[in-house]
C-alpha atoms as a PDB file:
ATOM      1  CA  UNK A   1      -2.302 -22.312  -5.613  1.00  0.00           C
ATOM      2  CA  UNK A   2      -2.511 -19.271  -3.044  1.00  0.00           C
ATOM      3  CA  UNK A   3      -5.816 -20.445  -2.230  1.00  0.00           C
ATOM      4  CA  UNK A   4      -4.864 -24.330  -1.283  1.00  0.00           C
ATOM      5  CA  UNK A   5      -2.329 -22.255   0.867  1.00  0.00           C
ATOM      6  CA  UNK A   6      -4.168 -20.482   2.853  1.00  0.00           C
ATOM      7  CA  UNK A   7      -3.297 -17.122   1.150  1.00  0.00           C
ATOM      8  CA  UNK A   8      -5.959 -13.969   1.419  1.00  0.00           C
ATOM      9  CA  UNK A   9      -4.185 -12.366  -1.499  1.00  0.00           C
ATOM     10  CA  UNK A  10      -2.053 -12.296  -3.893  1.00  0.00           C
ATOM     11  CA  UNK A  11       0.065  -9.342  -5.466  1.00  0.00           C
ATOM     12  CA  UNK A  12       0.936  -7.478  -8.341  1.00  0.00           C
ATOM     13  CA  UNK A  13       1.742  -4.534 -10.824  1.00  0.00           C
ATOM     14  CA  UNK A  14      -1.305  -3.057 -11.791  1.00  0.00           C
ATOM     15  CA  UNK A  15      -1.604  -4.755 -15.582  1.00  0.00           C
ATOM     16  CA  UNK A  16      -0.999  -2.254 -18.451  1.00  0.00           C
ATOM     17  CA  UNK A  17      -4.088  -2.866 -20.043  1.00  0.00           C
ATOM     18  CA  UNK A  18      -7.831  -2.769 -18.504  1.00  0.00           C
ATOM     19  CA  UNK A  19      -9.049  -5.959 -19.976  1.00  0.00           C
ATOM     20  CA  UNK A  20      -6.574  -7.665 -17.811  1.00  0.00           C
ATOM     21  CA  UNK A  21      -8.060  -6.345 -14.638  1.00  0.00           C
ATOM     22  CA  UNK A  22     -11.492  -7.775 -15.858  1.00  0.00           C
ATOM     23  CA  UNK A  23      -9.995 -11.083 -16.888  1.00  0.00           C
ATOM     24  CA  UNK A  24      -7.776 -11.525 -13.518  1.00  0.00           C
ATOM     25  CA  UNK A  25     -10.403 -10.322 -11.237  1.00  0.00           C
ATOM     26  CA  UNK A  26     -13.134 -13.011 -12.443  1.00  0.00           C
ATOM     27  CA  UNK A  27     -10.562 -15.589 -11.592  1.00  0.00           C
ATOM     28  CA  UNK A  28      -9.931 -13.833  -8.060  1.00  0.00           C
ATOM     29  CA  UNK A  29     -13.686 -13.891  -7.719  1.00  0.00           C
ATOM     30  CA  UNK A  30     -13.735 -17.551  -8.529  1.00  0.00           C
ATOM     31  CA  UNK A  31     -11.816 -18.263  -5.748  1.00  0.00           C
ATOM     32  CA  UNK A  32     -12.744 -15.687  -3.362  1.00  0.00           C
ATOM     33  CA  UNK A  33      -8.625 -14.388  -3.514  1.00  0.00           C
ATOM     34  CA  UNK A  34      -7.975 -11.076  -3.187  1.00  0.00           C
ATOM     35  CA  UNK A  35      -5.868  -9.662  -6.733  1.00  0.00           C
ATOM     36  CA  UNK A  36      -3.977  -6.831  -4.980  1.00  0.00           C
ATOM     37  CA  UNK A  37      -2.688  -4.425  -7.665  1.00  0.00           C
ATOM     38  CA  UNK A  38      -0.091  -2.365  -6.414  1.00  0.00           C
ATOM     39  CA  UNK A  39       0.512   1.040  -8.227  1.00  0.00           C
ATOM     40  CA  UNK A  40       3.416   3.245  -8.881  1.00  0.00           C
ATOM     41  CA  UNK A  41       3.233   6.189 -10.765  1.00  0.00           C
ATOM     42  CA  UNK A  42      -0.611   5.668 -11.997  1.00  0.00           C
ATOM     43  CA  UNK A  43      -3.237   7.802 -11.146  1.00  0.00           C
ATOM     44  CA  UNK A  44      -4.234   5.312  -8.663  1.00  0.00           C
ATOM     45  CA  UNK A  45      -7.563   6.289  -7.322  1.00  0.00           C
ATOM     46  CA  UNK A  46      -9.351   6.311 -10.967  1.00  0.00           C
ATOM     47  CA  UNK A  47      -7.496   2.697 -11.773  1.00  0.00           C
ATOM     48  CA  UNK A  48      -7.974   1.028  -8.347  1.00  0.00           C
ATOM     49  CA  UNK A  49     -12.496   2.283  -8.965  1.00  0.00           C
ATOM     50  CA  UNK A  50     -12.379   1.207 -12.077  1.00  0.00           C
ATOM     51  CA  UNK A  51     -10.811  -2.373 -11.343  1.00  0.00           C
ATOM     52  CA  UNK A  52     -12.985  -2.739  -8.075  1.00  0.00           C
ATOM     53  CA  UNK A  53     -15.990  -2.000 -10.201  1.00  0.00           C
ATOM     54  CA  UNK A  54     -14.946  -5.323 -12.698  1.00  0.00           C
ATOM     55  CA  UNK A  55     -14.778  -7.836  -9.855  1.00  0.00           C
ATOM     56  CA  UNK A  56     -15.386  -8.087  -5.874  1.00  0.00           C
ATOM     57  CA  UNK A  57     -11.922  -9.445  -5.205  1.00  0.00           C
ATOM     58  CA  UNK A  58     -10.068  -6.802  -7.451  1.00  0.00           C
ATOM     59  CA  UNK A  59      -8.030  -4.994  -4.207  1.00  0.00           C
ATOM     60  CA  UNK A  60      -5.637  -2.385  -3.879  1.00  0.00           C
ATOM     61  CA  UNK A  61      -1.850  -2.666  -2.767  1.00  0.00           C
ATOM     62  CA  UNK A  62      -1.847   1.010  -1.723  1.00  0.00           C
ATOM     63  CA  UNK A  63       1.668   1.755  -1.694  1.00  0.00           C
ATOM     64  CA  UNK A  64       1.215   4.989   0.735  1.00  0.00           C
ATOM     65  CA  UNK A  65       5.012   6.402   0.149  1.00  0.00           C
ATOM     66  CA  UNK A  66       4.022   5.998  -3.629  1.00  0.00           C
ATOM     67  CA  UNK A  67       0.729   7.786  -3.589  1.00  0.00           C
ATOM     68  CA  UNK A  68       2.069  11.016  -1.773  1.00  0.00           C
ATOM     69  CA  UNK A  69       4.797  10.989  -3.689  1.00  0.00           C
ATOM     70  CA  UNK A  70       2.681  10.987  -7.232  1.00  0.00           C
ATOM     71  CA  UNK A  71      -0.752  12.062  -6.157  1.00  0.00           C
ATOM     72  CA  UNK A  72       0.438  15.093  -3.798  1.00  0.00           C
ATOM     73  CA  UNK A  73      -2.063  14.095  -1.180  1.00  0.00           C
ATOM     74  CA  UNK A  74      -2.147  11.655   1.827  1.00  0.00           C
ATOM     75  CA  UNK A  75      -4.219   8.078   0.485  1.00  0.00           C
ATOM     76  CA  UNK A  76      -6.299   8.135   3.899  1.00  0.00           C
ATOM     77  CA  UNK A  77      -9.553   9.052   2.597  1.00  0.00           C
ATOM     78  CA  UNK A  78      -9.059   6.313  -0.236  1.00  0.00           C
ATOM     79  CA  UNK A  79      -8.115   3.810   2.392  1.00  0.00           C
ATOM     80  CA  UNK A  80     -11.001   5.043   4.768  1.00  0.00           C
ATOM     81  CA  UNK A  81     -13.177   4.639   1.566  1.00  0.00           C
ATOM     82  CA  UNK A  82     -12.011   1.437   0.083  1.00  0.00           C
ATOM     83  CA  UNK A  83     -10.361  -0.677   3.092  1.00  0.00           C
ATOM     84  CA  UNK A  84     -12.505  -3.477   2.097  1.00  0.00           C
ATOM     85  CA  UNK A  85     -10.359  -3.521  -1.017  1.00  0.00           C
ATOM     86  CA  UNK A  86      -7.064  -4.080   1.048  1.00  0.00           C
ATOM     87  CA  UNK A  87      -5.511  -7.166   2.138  1.00  0.00           C
ATOM     88  CA  UNK A  88      -2.414  -5.168   2.480  1.00  0.00           C
ATOM     89  CA  UNK A  89      -0.729  -1.660   1.848  1.00  0.00           C
ATOM     90  CA  UNK A  90       3.069  -0.931   1.644  1.00  0.00           C
ATOM     91  CA  UNK A  91       4.501   1.633   4.174  1.00  0.00           C
ATOM     92  CA  UNK A  92       7.246   3.708   3.303  1.00  0.00           C
ATOM     93  CA  UNK A  93       7.820   7.532   3.343  1.00  0.00           C
ATOM     94  CA  UNK A  94       8.193   9.641   1.017  1.00  0.00           C
ATOM     95  CA  UNK A  95       8.130  13.447   0.054  1.00  0.00           C
ATOM     96  CA  UNK A  96       5.418  14.861  -2.176  1.00  0.00           C
ATOM     97  CA  UNK A  97       6.187  14.985  -5.575  1.00  0.00           C
ATOM     98  CA  UNK A  98       5.773  18.958  -5.179  1.00  0.00           C
ATOM     99  CA  UNK A  99       8.821  18.536  -2.889  1.00  0.00           C
ATOM    100  CA  UNK A 100      11.033  16.516  -4.884  1.00  0.00           C
ATOM    101  CA  UNK A 101       9.021  12.764  -4.015  1.00  0.00           C
ATOM    102  CA  UNK A 102      11.876  11.260  -2.652  1.00  0.00           C
ATOM    103  CA  UNK A 103      12.030   8.197  -0.407  1.00  0.00           C
ATOM    104  CA  UNK A 104      13.505   9.394   3.287  1.00  0.00           C
ATOM    105  CA  UNK A 105      13.660   7.391   6.540  1.00  0.00           C
ATOM    106  CA  UNK A 106      10.625   7.058   8.016  1.00  0.00           C
ATOM    107  CA  UNK A 107       9.151  10.427   9.308  1.00  0.00           C
ATOM    108  CA  UNK A 108      10.810  12.441   7.714  1.00  0.00           C
ATOM    109  CA  UNK A 109       8.842  12.682   4.755  1.00  0.00           C
ATOM    110  CA  UNK A 110       5.424  13.778   3.689  1.00  0.00           C
ATOM    111  CA  UNK A 111       3.957  10.203   4.024  1.00  0.00           C
ATOM    112  CA  UNK A 112       0.741   9.861   6.909  1.00  0.00           C
ATOM    113  CA  UNK A 113       2.458   6.635   8.024  1.00  0.00           C
ATOM    114  CA  UNK A 114       0.966   7.198  11.902  1.00  0.00           C
ATOM    115  CA  UNK A 115      -2.248   8.602  11.092  1.00  0.00           C
ATOM    116  CA  UNK A 116      -2.975   5.782   8.596  1.00  0.00           C
ATOM    117  CA  UNK A 117      -1.546   2.846  10.790  1.00  0.00           C
ATOM    118  CA  UNK A 118      -3.844   4.186  13.271  1.00  0.00           C
ATOM    119  CA  UNK A 119      -6.694   4.033  11.294  1.00  0.00           C
ATOM    120  CA  UNK A 120      -5.857   0.532  10.724  1.00  0.00           C
ATOM    121  CA  UNK A 121      -5.816   0.141  14.486  1.00  0.00           C
ATOM    122  CA  UNK A 122      -8.787   2.124  15.636  1.00  0.00           C
ATOM    123  CA  UNK A 123     -10.959   1.016  13.207  1.00  0.00           C
ATOM    124  CA  UNK A 124     -10.238  -2.747  13.345  1.00  0.00           C
ATOM    125  CA  UNK A 125      -9.665  -2.713   9.499  1.00  0.00           C
ATOM    126  CA  UNK A 126      -8.027  -6.310   7.993  1.00  0.00           C
ATOM    127  CA  UNK A 127      -5.173  -4.911   6.669  1.00  0.00           C
ATOM    128  CA  UNK A 128      -1.602  -5.845   6.627  1.00  0.00           C
ATOM    129  CA  UNK A 129       0.789  -2.983   6.673  1.00  0.00           C
ATOM    130  CA  UNK A 130       4.234  -4.009   5.375  1.00  0.00           C
ATOM    131  CA  UNK A 131       7.326  -2.447   5.233  1.00  0.00           C
ATOM    132  CA  UNK A 132       8.580  -1.340   2.357  1.00  0.00           C
ATOM    133  CA  UNK A 133      12.292  -0.164   2.496  1.00  0.00           C
ATOM    134  CA  UNK A 134      13.552   1.851  -0.306  1.00  0.00           C
ATOM    135  CA  UNK A 135      15.524   5.126   0.820  1.00  0.00           C
ATOM    136  CA  UNK A 136      19.152   5.048   0.257  1.00  0.00           C
ATOM    137  CA  UNK A 137      21.214   3.911   3.706  1.00  0.00           C
ATOM    138  CA  UNK A 138      23.274   6.478   5.769  1.00  0.00           C
ATOM    139  CA  UNK A 139      26.432   6.738   5.959  1.00  0.00           C
ATOM    140  CA  UNK A 140      27.531   4.836   9.226  1.00  0.00           C
ATOM    141  CA  UNK A 141      24.462   2.639   9.464  1.00  0.00           C
ATOM    142  CA  UNK A 142      23.427  -0.703   7.920  1.00  0.00           C
ATOM    143  CA  UNK A 143      20.197  -1.888   6.037  1.00  0.00           C
ATOM    144  CA  UNK A 144      19.218  -4.189   9.143  1.00  0.00           C
ATOM    145  CA  UNK A 145      19.532  -1.047  11.494  1.00  0.00           C
ATOM    146  CA  UNK A 146      17.760   1.111   9.228  1.00  0.00           C
ATOM    147  CA  UNK A 147      14.743  -1.436   8.978  1.00  0.00           C
ATOM    148  CA  UNK A 148      14.544  -1.854  12.668  1.00  0.00           C
ATOM    149  CA  UNK A 149      14.412   2.134  12.838  1.00  0.00           C
ATOM    150  CA  UNK A 150      11.247   1.923  10.380  1.00  0.00           C
ATOM    151  CA  UNK A 151       9.639  -1.145  12.462  1.00  0.00           C
ATOM    152  CA  UNK A 152      10.749   1.024  15.772  1.00  0.00           C
ATOM    153  CA  UNK A 153       8.324   4.107  14.474  1.00  0.00           C
ATOM    154  CA  UNK A 154       5.331   1.995  13.255  1.00  0.00           C
ATOM    155  CA  UNK A 155       5.567   0.233  16.951  1.00  0.00           C
ATOM    156  CA  UNK A 156       5.426   3.517  18.378  1.00  0.00           C
ATOM    157  CA  UNK A 157       2.432   4.959  15.877  1.00  0.00           C
ATOM    158  CA  UNK A 158       0.935   1.796  17.315  1.00  0.00           C
ATOM    159  CA  UNK A 159       1.519   2.713  20.949  1.00  0.00           C
ATOM    160  CA  UNK A 160       0.702   6.284  21.047  1.00  0.00           C
END
């Protein structure tokens, strides 16, 4: 169905068992549609690289905020190495896990949003950044106003 609709990828949580990434990857290869696995607190690099070895269309939906909070490092080196396996990424800001790991308004956490978006732009990688809004709406604001701030932050990062 995804192929017939013209989709480039399907995204889902990382499977709990490794045999599932091999099975799903074979199906993705057959239809030439990325299966973009999404991570949370897993040791993301190792799991993704194992899945990449199982099938050409096993891909990654790297959540750059989750990576920052759980891996305590920027995901940019991993994205740079494997950009051809990422049809899209989730963009949000979080503190490093060593600093509590909480979600924050864009620009207030430790996630390397700006350099990651600029690397995608400058290298012309075929990655779609998707804003994932997860921080608490500040008192006196609204979800819509905050999402607009997130979008403005990303736009500003891409015009500088």
